[in-house]
Amino acid sequence: MSKKPIKVESCRCSGEGSHEISILNKNDQIRREVREHYKNTAQARISECCTDNENLIKEIVENDPKLYSEEELRSIPKGSNLGLGSGNPVFLAEIHQGETVVDLGSGAGIDCFLAANKVGKSGKVIGVDMTAEMIELARNNAYKNNYENVEFRLGEIEHLPIADNTVDLIISNCVINLSIDKSQVFKEAHRVLKSGGRLIISDIMFDHELPEKLRAAFDETAGCVSRAEVKEQYLDRIRNAGFNEVKIVDHIIIRPQKKRVYNEENPEETKKITMISSGKKAELELTKDEMKQVETAIISAHVKAVKSSK
């Protein structure tokens, strides 16, 4: 006989039941924190009435010219770029006219609008986001700029509101790393893709394991890196979901902020690393060896995969 799922109203007399409820509560708390963070980000943008788009474009291009080109940023609605991405999956996707594209964690719509410009009137782009305020912002961006080939749906990327075998391409930009169930995300991506469909994503991951005290500090910030995984584990999740040709096509190292801290016993051996994520800040003192591990640990990577055509 299969076990029935334990309900939240359990008396918690069973140790096993109490543990499962604790996990569920923690996962719900993480989802709420992520949703609240992006809700606040969307509301802040909605409340801005006088954003200088010209200066914003110049700032983005100057800070990271490899992320989005000036031409791309000028081709999409003002207010669709919130600076939340870690890459540019659309640039690598080789999108064709008439295709159906889905963006996981679409935010204000930047990658959806870039993809919509490529699929044309005969194609379709669907953005999925779990934050109602982001959906509202993205829909307004589409409506005001006459994007009739784009729609935005409220939903979790672990449970996509999309039919089986209907999508040519799935993109995502620094979102899957936030999920508490990445394996389920990739299973859903595989489900909705057609045979031969592609997965092109940008995400934050670790090149190698971090010192435990640093991982613990990142966990406390509840930000992007707190749920990032080592790249081998991340890629295995994609393979286990049924994808083929899984590979990292490029990556950059994200170096944390750091400053030297005077240590009376050994002034050359200790540095302090500063981490800021989701508005929370953590500082740690690291040895020279620990700092070397940290400096090359966090990467932003573009990943490609294909659903078998068999």
C-alpha atoms as a PDB file:
ATOM      1  CA  MET A   1       0.000   0.000   0.000  1.00  0.00           C
ATOM      2  CA  SER A   2       1.408   3.411  -0.963  1.00  0.00           C
ATOM      3  CA  LYS A   3       1.802   6.072   1.667  1.00  0.00           C
ATOM      4  CA  LYS A   4      -0.698   8.899   1.725  1.00  0.00           C
ATOM      5  CA  PRO A   5       0.853  12.363   1.685  1.00  0.00           C
ATOM      6  CA  ILE A   6       1.114  13.830   5.173  1.00  0.00           C
ATOM      7  CA  LYS A   7      -1.194  16.764   5.712  1.00  0.00           C
ATOM      8  CA  VAL A   8      -0.084  20.023   7.269  1.00  0.00           C
ATOM      9  CA  GLU A   9      -2.642  19.701  10.048  1.00  0.00           C
ATOM     10  CA  SER A  10      -0.888  16.574  11.357  1.00  0.00           C
ATOM     11  CA  CYS A  11      -0.372  16.461  15.139  1.00  0.00           C
ATOM     12  CA  ARG A  12       3.348  15.898  14.393  1.00  0.00           C
ATOM     13  CA  CYS A  13       3.428  12.920  16.731  1.00  0.00           C
ATOM     14  CA  SER A  14       5.423  10.987  14.140  1.00  0.00           C
ATOM     15  CA  GLY A  15       9.036  11.955  13.675  1.00  0.00           C
ATOM     16  CA  GLU A  16       8.821  11.203   9.958  1.00  0.00           C
ATOM     17  CA  GLY A  17       5.689  13.314   9.565  1.00  0.00           C
ATOM     18  CA  SER A  18       7.187  16.218  11.460  1.00  0.00           C
ATOM     19  CA  HIS A  19      10.298  16.109   9.257  1.00  0.00           C
ATOM     20  CA  GLU A  20       8.272  16.119   6.034  1.00  0.00           C
ATOM     21  CA  ILE A  21       6.153  19.042   7.242  1.00  0.00           C
ATOM     22  CA  SER A  22       9.300  20.922   8.218  1.00  0.00           C
ATOM     23  CA  ILE A  23      10.717  20.464   4.705  1.00  0.00           C
ATOM     24  CA  LEU A  24       7.458  21.568   3.114  1.00  0.00           C
ATOM     25  CA  ASN A  25       7.311  24.649   5.306  1.00  0.00           C
ATOM     26  CA  LYS A  26      10.898  25.544   4.471  1.00  0.00           C
ATOM     27  CA  ASN A  27      10.266  25.153   0.742  1.00  0.00           C
ATOM     28  CA  ASP A  28       7.163  27.321   0.976  1.00  0.00           C
ATOM     29  CA  GLN A  29       9.163  29.938   2.849  1.00  0.00           C
ATOM     30  CA  ILE A  30      11.829  29.963   0.125  1.00  0.00           C
ATOM     31  CA  ARG A  31       9.182  30.387  -2.582  1.00  0.00           C
ATOM     32  CA  ARG A  32       7.603  33.247  -0.637  1.00  0.00           C
ATOM     33  CA  GLU A  33      10.972  34.969  -0.217  1.00  0.00           C
ATOM     34  CA  VAL A  34      11.773  34.694  -3.927  1.00  0.00           C
ATOM     35  CA  ARG A  35       8.287  35.843  -4.931  1.00  0.00           C
ATOM     36  CA  GLU A  36       8.408  38.774  -2.496  1.00  0.00           C
ATOM     37  CA  HIS A  37      11.799  39.891  -3.788  1.00  0.00           C
ATOM     38  CA  TYR A  38      10.649  39.965  -7.418  1.00  0.00           C
ATOM     39  CA  LYS A  39       7.307  41.472  -6.461  1.00  0.00           C
ATOM     40  CA  ASN A  40       9.162  44.392  -4.896  1.00  0.00           C
ATOM     41  CA  THR A  41      11.411  44.698  -7.936  1.00  0.00           C
ATOM     42  CA  ALA A  42       8.407  44.821 -10.286  1.00  0.00           C
ATOM     43  CA  GLN A  43       6.522  47.326  -8.132  1.00  0.00           C
ATOM     44  CA  ALA A  44       9.561  49.586  -7.984  1.00  0.00           C
ATOM     45  CA  ARG A  45       9.730  49.623 -11.780  1.00  0.00           C
ATOM     46  CA  ILE A  46       5.977  50.169 -12.154  1.00  0.00           C
ATOM     47  CA  SER A  47       6.200  53.193  -9.845  1.00  0.00           C
ATOM     48  CA  GLU A  48       8.978  54.795 -11.940  1.00  0.00           C
ATOM     49  CA  CYS A  49       7.457  57.376 -14.244  1.00  0.00           C
ATOM     50  CA  CYS A  50      10.551  59.195 -15.484  1.00  0.00           C
ATOM     51  CA  THR A  51      13.185  56.543 -16.209  1.00  0.00           C
ATOM     52  CA  ASP A  52      15.897  57.827 -18.554  1.00  0.00           C
ATOM     53  CA  ASN A  53      16.014  54.974 -21.057  1.00  0.00           C
ATOM     54  CA  GLU A  54      18.963  56.434 -22.982  1.00  0.00           C
ATOM     55  CA  ASN A  55      21.196  56.550 -19.911  1.00  0.00           C
ATOM     56  CA  LEU A  56      20.000  53.085 -18.853  1.00  0.00           C
ATOM     57  CA  ILE A  57      20.953  51.583 -22.215  1.00  0.00           C
ATOM     58  CA  LYS A  58      24.384  53.199 -22.141  1.00  0.00           C
ATOM     59  CA  GLU A  59      24.978  51.994 -18.588  1.00  0.00           C
ATOM     60  CA  ILE A  60      24.058  48.399 -19.433  1.00  0.00           C
ATOM     61  CA  VAL A  61      26.236  48.288 -22.553  1.00  0.00           C
ATOM     62  CA  GLU A  62      29.217  49.897 -20.801  1.00  0.00           C
ATOM     63  CA  ASN A  63      28.996  47.631 -17.750  1.00  0.00           C
ATOM     64  CA  ASP A  64      28.753  44.393 -19.723  1.00  0.00           C
ATOM     65  CA  PRO A  65      28.971  44.711 -23.536  1.00  0.00           C
ATOM     66  CA  LYS A  66      28.778  40.911 -23.916  1.00  0.00           C
ATOM     67  CA  LEU A  67      25.341  40.721 -22.284  1.00  0.00           C
ATOM     68  CA  TYR A  68      23.067  42.741 -24.585  1.00  0.00           C
ATOM     69  CA  SER A  69      24.023  44.930 -27.510  1.00  0.00           C
ATOM     70  CA  GLU A  70      22.801  48.494 -27.858  1.00  0.00           C
ATOM     71  CA  GLU A  71      20.843  47.429 -30.932  1.00  0.00           C
ATOM     72  CA  GLU A  72      19.037  44.707 -28.977  1.00  0.00           C
ATOM     73  CA  LEU A  73      18.173  47.036 -26.103  1.00  0.00           C
ATOM     74  CA  ARG A  74      16.762  49.647 -28.479  1.00  0.00           C
ATOM     75  CA  SER A  75      14.591  47.037 -30.206  1.00  0.00           C
ATOM     76  CA  ILE A  76      12.520  46.159 -27.122  1.00  0.00           C
ATOM     77  CA  PRO A  77      10.045  48.046 -24.906  1.00  0.00           C
ATOM     78  CA  LYS A  78      11.358  50.512 -22.364  1.00  0.00           C
ATOM     79  CA  GLY A  79      11.035  49.002 -18.911  1.00  0.00           C
ATOM     80  CA  SER A  80      11.390  45.362 -20.009  1.00  0.00           C
ATOM     81  CA  ASN A  81      14.989  45.063 -18.802  1.00  0.00           C
ATOM     82  CA  LEU A  82      15.301  45.001 -15.010  1.00  0.00           C
ATOM     83  CA  GLY A  83      18.956  43.951 -15.004  1.00  0.00           C
ATOM     84  CA  LEU A  84      18.175  40.567 -13.442  1.00  0.00           C
ATOM     85  CA  GLY A  85      19.763  38.263 -16.012  1.00  0.00           C
ATOM     86  CA  SER A  86      23.164  36.577 -16.054  1.00  0.00           C
ATOM     87  CA  GLY A  87      23.518  36.188 -19.821  1.00  0.00           C
ATOM     88  CA  ASN A  88      21.782  36.414 -23.196  1.00  0.00           C
ATOM     89  CA  PRO A  89      20.245  33.050 -24.169  1.00  0.00           C
ATOM     90  CA  VAL A  90      18.435  34.554 -27.175  1.00  0.00           C
ATOM     91  CA  PHE A  91      21.746  35.473 -28.815  1.00  0.00           C
ATOM     92  CA  LEU A  92      22.841  31.806 -28.824  1.00  0.00           C
ATOM     93  CA  ALA A  93      19.470  30.256 -29.635  1.00  0.00           C
ATOM     94  CA  GLU A  94      19.386  30.563 -33.453  1.00  0.00           C
ATOM     95  CA  ILE A  95      15.666  31.341 -33.360  1.00  0.00           C
ATOM     96  CA  HIS A  96      13.708  30.937 -36.612  1.00  0.00           C
ATOM     97  CA  GLN A  97      10.538  32.587 -37.853  1.00  0.00           C
ATOM     98  CA  GLY A  98       7.364  30.708 -36.978  1.00  0.00           C
ATOM     99  CA  GLU A  99       8.793  28.956 -33.917  1.00  0.00           C
ATOM    100  CA  THR A 100       7.162  28.733 -30.493  1.00  0.00           C
ATOM    101  CA  VAL A 101       9.467  29.865 -27.688  1.00  0.00           C
ATOM    102  CA  VAL A 102       8.944  29.660 -23.921  1.00  0.00           C
ATOM    103  CA  ASP A 103      10.881  31.763 -21.408  1.00  0.00           C
ATOM    104  CA  LEU A 104      11.096  30.319 -17.897  1.00  0.00           C
ATOM    105  CA  GLY A 105      10.954  33.127 -15.341  1.00  0.00           C
ATOM    106  CA  SER A 106      10.246  35.836 -17.880  1.00  0.00           C
ATOM    107  CA  GLY A 107      10.234  38.829 -15.519  1.00  0.00           C
ATOM    108  CA  ALA A 108       9.429  42.092 -17.283  1.00  0.00           C
ATOM    109  CA  GLY A 109       9.876  40.392 -20.642  1.00  0.00           C
ATOM    110  CA  ILE A 110      13.277  41.364 -22.050  1.00  0.00           C
ATOM    111  CA  ASP A 111      14.165  37.956 -23.519  1.00  0.00           C
ATOM    112  CA  CYS A 112      10.569  37.341 -24.635  1.00  0.00           C
ATOM    113  CA  PHE A 113      10.582  40.556 -26.671  1.00  0.00           C
ATOM    114  CA  LEU A 114      13.989  39.786 -28.179  1.00  0.00           C
ATOM    115  CA  ALA A 115      12.709  36.323 -29.151  1.00  0.00           C
ATOM    116  CA  ALA A 116       9.439  37.777 -30.493  1.00  0.00           C
ATOM    117  CA  ASN A 117      11.399  39.982 -32.870  1.00  0.00           C
ATOM    118  CA  LYS A 118      12.961  36.813 -34.315  1.00  0.00           C
ATOM    119  CA  VAL A 119       9.935  34.472 -34.525  1.00  0.00           C
ATOM    120  CA  GLY A 120       7.889  37.105 -36.369  1.00  0.00           C
ATOM    121  CA  LYS A 121       4.117  37.309 -36.725  1.00  0.00           C
ATOM    122  CA  SER A 122       3.879  33.612 -37.586  1.00  0.00           C
ATOM    123  CA  GLY A 123       5.619  32.612 -34.354  1.00  0.00           C
ATOM    124  CA  LYS A 124       4.743  32.816 -30.692  1.00  0.00           C
ATOM    125  CA  VAL A 125       6.552  33.547 -27.431  1.00  0.00           C
ATOM    126  CA  ILE A 126       5.208  32.556 -24.006  1.00  0.00           C
ATOM    127  CA  GLY A 127       6.679  33.982 -20.822  1.00  0.00           C
ATOM    128  CA  VAL A 128       6.034  32.124 -17.564  1.00  0.00           C
ATOM    129  CA  ASP A 129       6.592  33.785 -14.182  1.00  0.00           C
ATOM    130  CA  MET A 130       5.316  33.023 -10.685  1.00  0.00           C
ATOM    131  CA  THR A 131       5.066  36.670  -9.616  1.00  0.00           C
ATOM    132  CA  ALA A 132       1.777  38.365 -10.475  1.00  0.00           C
ATOM    133  CA  GLU A 133       3.373  41.811 -10.407  1.00  0.00           C
ATOM    134  CA  MET A 134       5.973  40.743 -12.974  1.00  0.00           C
ATOM    135  CA  ILE A 135       3.246  39.342 -15.215  1.00  0.00           C
ATOM    136  CA  GLU A 136       1.355  42.650 -14.959  1.00  0.00           C
ATOM    137  CA  LEU A 137       4.486  44.622 -15.837  1.00  0.00           C
ATOM    138  CA  ALA A 138       5.342  42.373 -18.796  1.00  0.00           C
ATOM    139  CA  ARG A 139       1.775  42.403 -20.154  1.00  0.00           C
ATOM    140  CA  ASN A 140       1.725  46.193 -20.004  1.00  0.00           C
ATOM    141  CA  ASN A 141       5.021  46.317 -21.868  1.00  0.00           C
ATOM    142  CA  ALA A 142       3.584  44.045 -24.573  1.00  0.00           C
ATOM    143  CA  TYR A 143       0.285  45.939 -24.842  1.00  0.00           C
ATOM    144  CA  LYS A 144       1.836  49.410 -25.039  1.00  0.00           C
ATOM    145  CA  ASN A 145       4.249  48.275 -27.745  1.00  0.00           C
ATOM    146  CA  ASN A 146       1.837  46.168 -29.835  1.00  0.00           C
ATOM    147  CA  TYR A 147       3.526  42.801 -29.346  1.00  0.00           C
ATOM    148  CA  GLU A 148       0.721  40.523 -30.509  1.00  0.00           C
ATOM    149  CA  ASN A 149       2.944  37.418 -30.746  1.00  0.00           C
ATOM    150  CA  VAL A 150       3.837  37.447 -27.023  1.00  0.00           C
ATOM    151  CA  GLU A 151       1.798  36.334 -24.023  1.00  0.00           C
ATOM    152  CA  PHE A 152       2.636  36.045 -20.346  1.00  0.00           C
ATOM    153  CA  ARG A 153       1.252  33.320 -18.094  1.00  0.00           C
ATOM    154  CA  LEU A 154       1.270  33.169 -14.308  1.00  0.00           C
ATOM    155  CA  GLY A 155       2.727  29.885 -13.102  1.00  0.00           C
ATOM    156  CA  GLU A 156       5.657  28.066 -11.532  1.00  0.00           C
ATOM    157  CA  ILE A 157       8.426  26.755 -13.762  1.00  0.00           C
ATOM    158  CA  GLU A 158       8.168  23.422 -11.914  1.00  0.00           C
ATOM    159  CA  HIS A 159       4.578  23.115 -13.214  1.00  0.00           C
ATOM    160  CA  LEU A 160       4.373  24.836 -16.587  1.00  0.00           C
ATOM    161  CA  PRO A 161       0.928  25.961 -17.827  1.00  0.00           C
ATOM    162  CA  ILE A 162       1.765  24.630 -21.295  1.00  0.00           C
ATOM    163  CA  ALA A 163       0.633  21.536 -23.244  1.00  0.00           C
ATOM    164  CA  ASP A 164       2.891  18.575 -24.050  1.00  0.00           C
ATOM    165  CA  ASN A 165       5.079  18.600 -27.176  1.00  0.00           C
ATOM    166  CA  THR A 166       4.115  22.100 -28.335  1.00  0.00           C
ATOM    167  CA  VAL A 167       7.331  24.141 -27.998  1.00  0.00           C
ATOM    168  CA  ASP A 168      10.364  24.488 -30.289  1.00  0.00           C
ATOM    169  CA  LEU A 169      12.679  26.283 -27.877  1.00  0.00           C
ATOM    170  CA  ILE A 170      12.927  26.939 -24.148  1.00  0.00           C
ATOM    171  CA  ILE A 171      15.067  29.784 -22.841  1.00  0.00           C
ATOM    172  CA  SER A 172      15.748  30.991 -19.308  1.00  0.00           C
ATOM    173  CA  ASN A 173      17.971  33.665 -17.814  1.00  0.00           C
ATOM    174  CA  CYS A 174      19.264  33.320 -14.241  1.00  0.00           C
ATOM    175  CA  VAL A 175      16.040  31.780 -12.894  1.00  0.00           C
ATOM    176  CA  ILE A 176      16.366  27.985 -12.661  1.00  0.00           C
ATOM    177  CA  ASN A 177      19.100  28.377 -10.029  1.00  0.00           C
ATOM    178  CA  LEU A 178      16.408  29.866  -7.747  1.00  0.00           C
ATOM    179  CA  SER A 179      14.246  26.740  -7.924  1.00  0.00           C
ATOM    180  CA  ILE A 180      14.103  24.329  -5.002  1.00  0.00           C
ATOM    181  CA  ASP A 181      13.406  21.456  -7.440  1.00  0.00           C
ATOM    182  CA  LYS A 182      15.594  21.880 -10.513  1.00  0.00           C
ATOM    183  CA  SER A 183      15.071  18.294 -11.647  1.00  0.00           C
ATOM    184  CA  GLN A 184      11.333  18.943 -11.900  1.00  0.00           C
ATOM    185  CA  VAL A 185      11.999  22.124 -13.899  1.00  0.00           C
ATOM    186  CA  PHE A 186      13.976  20.181 -16.494  1.00  0.00           C
ATOM    187  CA  LYS A 187      11.378  17.380 -16.602  1.00  0.00           C
ATOM    188  CA  GLU A 188       8.710  19.991 -17.351  1.00  0.00           C
ATOM    189  CA  ALA A 189      10.911  21.576 -20.017  1.00  0.00           C
ATOM    190  CA  HIS A 190      11.368  18.166 -21.630  1.00  0.00           C
ATOM    191  CA  ARG A 191       7.608  17.499 -21.474  1.00  0.00           C
ATOM    192  CA  VAL A 192       6.535  20.638 -23.315  1.00  0.00           C
ATOM    193  CA  LEU A 193       9.259  20.546 -25.986  1.00  0.00           C
ATOM    194  CA  LYS A 194       8.638  18.900 -29.330  1.00  0.00           C
ATOM    195  CA  SER A 195      10.965  16.131 -30.520  1.00  0.00           C
ATOM    196  CA  GLY A 196      14.175  17.839 -31.553  1.00  0.00           C
ATOM    197  CA  GLY A 197      13.318  20.891 -29.443  1.00  0.00           C
ATOM    198  CA  ARG A 198      16.123  22.903 -27.871  1.00  0.00           C
ATOM    199  CA  LEU A 199      16.956  24.173 -24.409  1.00  0.00           C
ATOM    200  CA  ILE A 200      19.182  27.282 -24.200  1.00  0.00           C
ATOM    201  CA  ILE A 201      19.664  28.756 -20.740  1.00  0.00           C
ATOM    202  CA  SER A 202      21.909  31.141 -18.844  1.00  0.00           C
ATOM    203  CA  ASP A 203      22.397  30.434 -15.166  1.00  0.00           C
ATOM    204  CA  ILE A 204      24.581  30.802 -12.095  1.00  0.00           C
ATOM    205  CA  MET A 205      26.424  27.710 -10.866  1.00  0.00           C
ATOM    206  CA  PHE A 206      29.631  26.667  -9.148  1.00  0.00           C
ATOM    207  CA  ASP A 207      32.708  25.547 -11.042  1.00  0.00           C
ATOM    208  CA  HIS A 208      33.719  23.563  -7.946  1.00  0.00           C
ATOM    209  CA  GLU A 209      32.604  23.098  -4.374  1.00  0.00           C
ATOM    210  CA  LEU A 210      32.938  26.049  -2.010  1.00  0.00           C
ATOM    211  CA  PRO A 211      34.223  25.995   1.558  1.00  0.00           C
ATOM    212  CA  GLU A 212      31.372  25.004   3.853  1.00  0.00           C
ATOM    213  CA  LYS A 213      31.372  28.242   5.826  1.00  0.00           C
ATOM    214  CA  LEU A 214      30.966  30.227   2.607  1.00  0.00           C
ATOM    215  CA  ARG A 215      28.091  28.057   1.364  1.00  0.00           C
ATOM    216  CA  ALA A 216      26.409  28.490   4.738  1.00  0.00           C
ATOM    217  CA  ALA A 217      26.749  32.261   4.482  1.00  0.00           C
ATOM    218  CA  PHE A 218      25.235  32.262   1.002  1.00  0.00           C
ATOM    219  CA  ASP A 219      22.372  30.098   2.263  1.00  0.00           C
ATOM    220  CA  GLU A 220      21.578  32.782   4.817  1.00  0.00           C
ATOM    221  CA  THR A 221      21.249  35.453   2.133  1.00  0.00           C
ATOM    222  CA  ALA A 222      18.533  33.399   0.369  1.00  0.00           C
ATOM    223  CA  GLY A 223      19.634  34.845  -2.971  1.00  0.00           C
ATOM    224  CA  CYS A 224      20.660  33.500  -6.373  1.00  0.00           C
ATOM    225  CA  VAL A 225      23.821  31.745  -5.274  1.00  0.00           C
ATOM    226  CA  SER A 226      22.204  30.198  -2.200  1.00  0.00           C
ATOM    227  CA  ARG A 227      20.555  27.509  -4.337  1.00  0.00           C
ATOM    228  CA  ALA A 228      23.134  27.290  -7.097  1.00  0.00           C
ATOM    229  CA  GLU A 229      24.743  23.903  -7.730  1.00  0.00           C
ATOM    230  CA  VAL A 230      28.096  22.604  -8.917  1.00  0.00           C
ATOM    231  CA  LYS A 231      28.071  22.479 -12.723  1.00  0.00           C
ATOM    232  CA  GLU A 232      28.382  18.666 -12.958  1.00  0.00           C
ATOM    233  CA  GLN A 233      25.297  18.192 -10.770  1.00  0.00           C
ATOM    234  CA  TYR A 234      23.392  20.834 -12.721  1.00  0.00           C
ATOM    235  CA  LEU A 235      24.173  19.220 -16.090  1.00  0.00           C
ATOM    236  CA  ASP A 236      23.326  15.742 -14.763  1.00  0.00           C
ATOM    237  CA  ARG A 237      19.853  16.984 -13.811  1.00  0.00           C
ATOM    238  CA  ILE A 238      19.310  18.032 -17.435  1.00  0.00           C
ATOM    239  CA  ARG A 239      20.555  14.667 -18.752  1.00  0.00           C
ATOM    240  CA  ASN A 240      18.415  12.732 -16.268  1.00  0.00           C
ATOM    241  CA  ALA A 241      15.343  14.627 -17.516  1.00  0.00           C
ATOM    242  CA  GLY A 242      15.904  13.033 -20.929  1.00  0.00           C
ATOM    243  CA  PHE A 243      17.948  15.635 -22.804  1.00  0.00           C
ATOM    244  CA  ASN A 244      20.865  14.879 -25.127  1.00  0.00           C
ATOM    245  CA  GLU A 245      23.874  16.913 -26.250  1.00  0.00           C
ATOM    246  CA  VAL A 246      24.014  18.669 -22.878  1.00  0.00           C
ATOM    247  CA  LYS A 247      26.955  21.051 -22.660  1.00  0.00           C
ATOM    248  CA  ILE A 248      28.191  24.386 -21.371  1.00  0.00           C
ATOM    249  CA  VAL A 249      28.965  26.503 -24.426  1.00  0.00           C
ATOM    250  CA  ASP A 250      30.587  29.420 -22.582  1.00  0.00           C
ATOM    251  CA  HIS A 251      30.984  30.875 -19.112  1.00  0.00           C
ATOM    252  CA  ILE A 252      32.413  33.796 -17.185  1.00  0.00           C
ATOM    253  CA  ILE A 253      33.756  33.865 -13.633  1.00  0.00           C
ATOM    254  CA  ILE A 254      31.864  36.044 -11.166  1.00  0.00           C
ATOM    255  CA  ARG A 255      34.388  37.364  -8.686  1.00  0.00           C
ATOM    256  CA  PRO A 256      33.041  38.360  -5.244  1.00  0.00           C
ATOM    257  CA  GLN A 257      33.808  41.678  -3.628  1.00  0.00           C
ATOM    258  CA  LYS A 258      36.731  41.450  -1.238  1.00  0.00           C
ATOM    259  CA  LYS A 259      38.910  43.596   0.980  1.00  0.00           C
ATOM    260  CA  ARG A 260      41.999  42.936   3.075  1.00  0.00           C
ATOM    261  CA  VAL A 261      41.503  42.649   6.824  1.00  0.00           C
ATOM    262  CA  TYR A 262      44.345  43.209   9.248  1.00  0.00           C
ATOM    263  CA  ASN A 263      45.125  40.111  11.255  1.00  0.00           C
ATOM    264  CA  GLU A 264      47.562  40.751  14.122  1.00  0.00           C
ATOM    265  CA  GLU A 265      48.890  37.202  14.119  1.00  0.00           C
ATOM    266  CA  ASN A 266      49.313  36.902  10.343  1.00  0.00           C
ATOM    267  CA  PRO A 267      48.299  40.036   8.400  1.00  0.00           C
ATOM    268  CA  GLU A 268      48.929  38.464   4.985  1.00  0.00           C
ATOM    269  CA  GLU A 269      46.797  35.381   5.551  1.00  0.00           C
ATOM    270  CA  THR A 270      43.339  36.825   6.103  1.00  0.00           C
ATOM    271  CA  LYS A 271      40.978  38.648   3.763  1.00  0.00           C
ATOM    272  CA  LYS A 272      37.331  39.523   4.063  1.00  0.00           C
ATOM    273  CA  ILE A 273      34.777  38.654   1.392  1.00  0.00           C
ATOM    274  CA  THR A 274      31.525  40.603   1.114  1.00  0.00           C
ATOM    275  CA  MET A 275      28.404  38.995  -0.309  1.00  0.00           C
ATOM    276  CA  ILE A 276      25.234  40.912  -1.122  1.00  0.00           C
ATOM    277  CA  SER A 277      22.163  39.042  -2.338  1.00  0.00           C
ATOM    278  CA  SER A 278      18.463  39.901  -2.329  1.00  0.00           C
ATOM    279  CA  GLY A 279      19.197  42.935  -0.219  1.00  0.00           C
ATOM    280  CA  LYS A 280      21.019  40.922   2.442  1.00  0.00           C
ATOM    281  CA  LYS A 281      24.714  41.285   3.196  1.00  0.00           C
ATOM    282  CA  ALA A 282      27.176  38.836   4.687  1.00  0.00           C
ATOM    283  CA  GLU A 283      30.884  39.226   5.415  1.00  0.00           C
ATOM    284  CA  LEU A 284      33.351  36.423   6.075  1.00  0.00           C
ATOM    285  CA  GLU A 285      37.028  36.291   6.892  1.00  0.00           C
ATOM    286  CA  LEU A 286      38.837  33.747   4.722  1.00  0.00           C
ATOM    287  CA  THR A 287      42.323  32.327   4.698  1.00  0.00           C
ATOM    288  CA  LYS A 288      44.523  32.729   1.631  1.00  0.00           C
ATOM    289  CA  ASP A 289      43.721  29.180   0.435  1.00  0.00           C
ATOM    290  CA  GLU A 290      39.986  29.649   0.975  1.00  0.00           C
ATOM    291  CA  MET A 291      40.059  32.920  -0.950  1.00  0.00           C
ATOM    292  CA  LYS A 292      41.712  31.214  -3.919  1.00  0.00           C
ATOM    293  CA  GLN A 293      38.880  28.665  -3.996  1.00  0.00           C
ATOM    294  CA  VAL A 294      36.238  31.353  -3.831  1.00  0.00           C
ATOM    295  CA  GLU A 295      37.670  33.648  -6.488  1.00  0.00           C
ATOM    296  CA  THR A 296      36.996  31.166  -9.315  1.00  0.00           C
ATOM    297  CA  ALA A 297      34.071  29.215  -7.847  1.00  0.00           C
ATOM    298  CA  ILE A 298      31.006  31.141  -9.041  1.00  0.00           C
ATOM    299  CA  ILE A 299      30.320  31.172 -12.773  1.00  0.00           C
ATOM    300  CA  SER A 300      27.635  32.418 -15.128  1.00  0.00           C
ATOM    301  CA  ALA A 301      27.217  29.817 -17.863  1.00  0.00           C
ATOM    302  CA  HIS A 302      25.220  29.307 -21.056  1.00  0.00           C
ATOM    303  CA  VAL A 303      23.968  25.734 -21.383  1.00  0.00           C
ATOM    304  CA  LYS A 304      22.542  23.982 -24.439  1.00  0.00           C
ATOM    305  CA  ALA A 305      20.619  20.712 -24.694  1.00  0.00           C
ATOM    306  CA  VAL A 306      18.330  18.938 -27.168  1.00  0.00           C
ATOM    307  CA  LYS A 307      15.274  16.716 -26.780  1.00  0.00           C
ATOM    308  CA  SER A 308      15.800  13.552 -28.782  1.00  0.00           C
ATOM    309  CA  SER A 309      13.883  13.356 -32.072  1.00  0.00           C
ATOM    310  CA  LYS A 310      13.319   9.600 -31.622  1.00  0.00           C
END
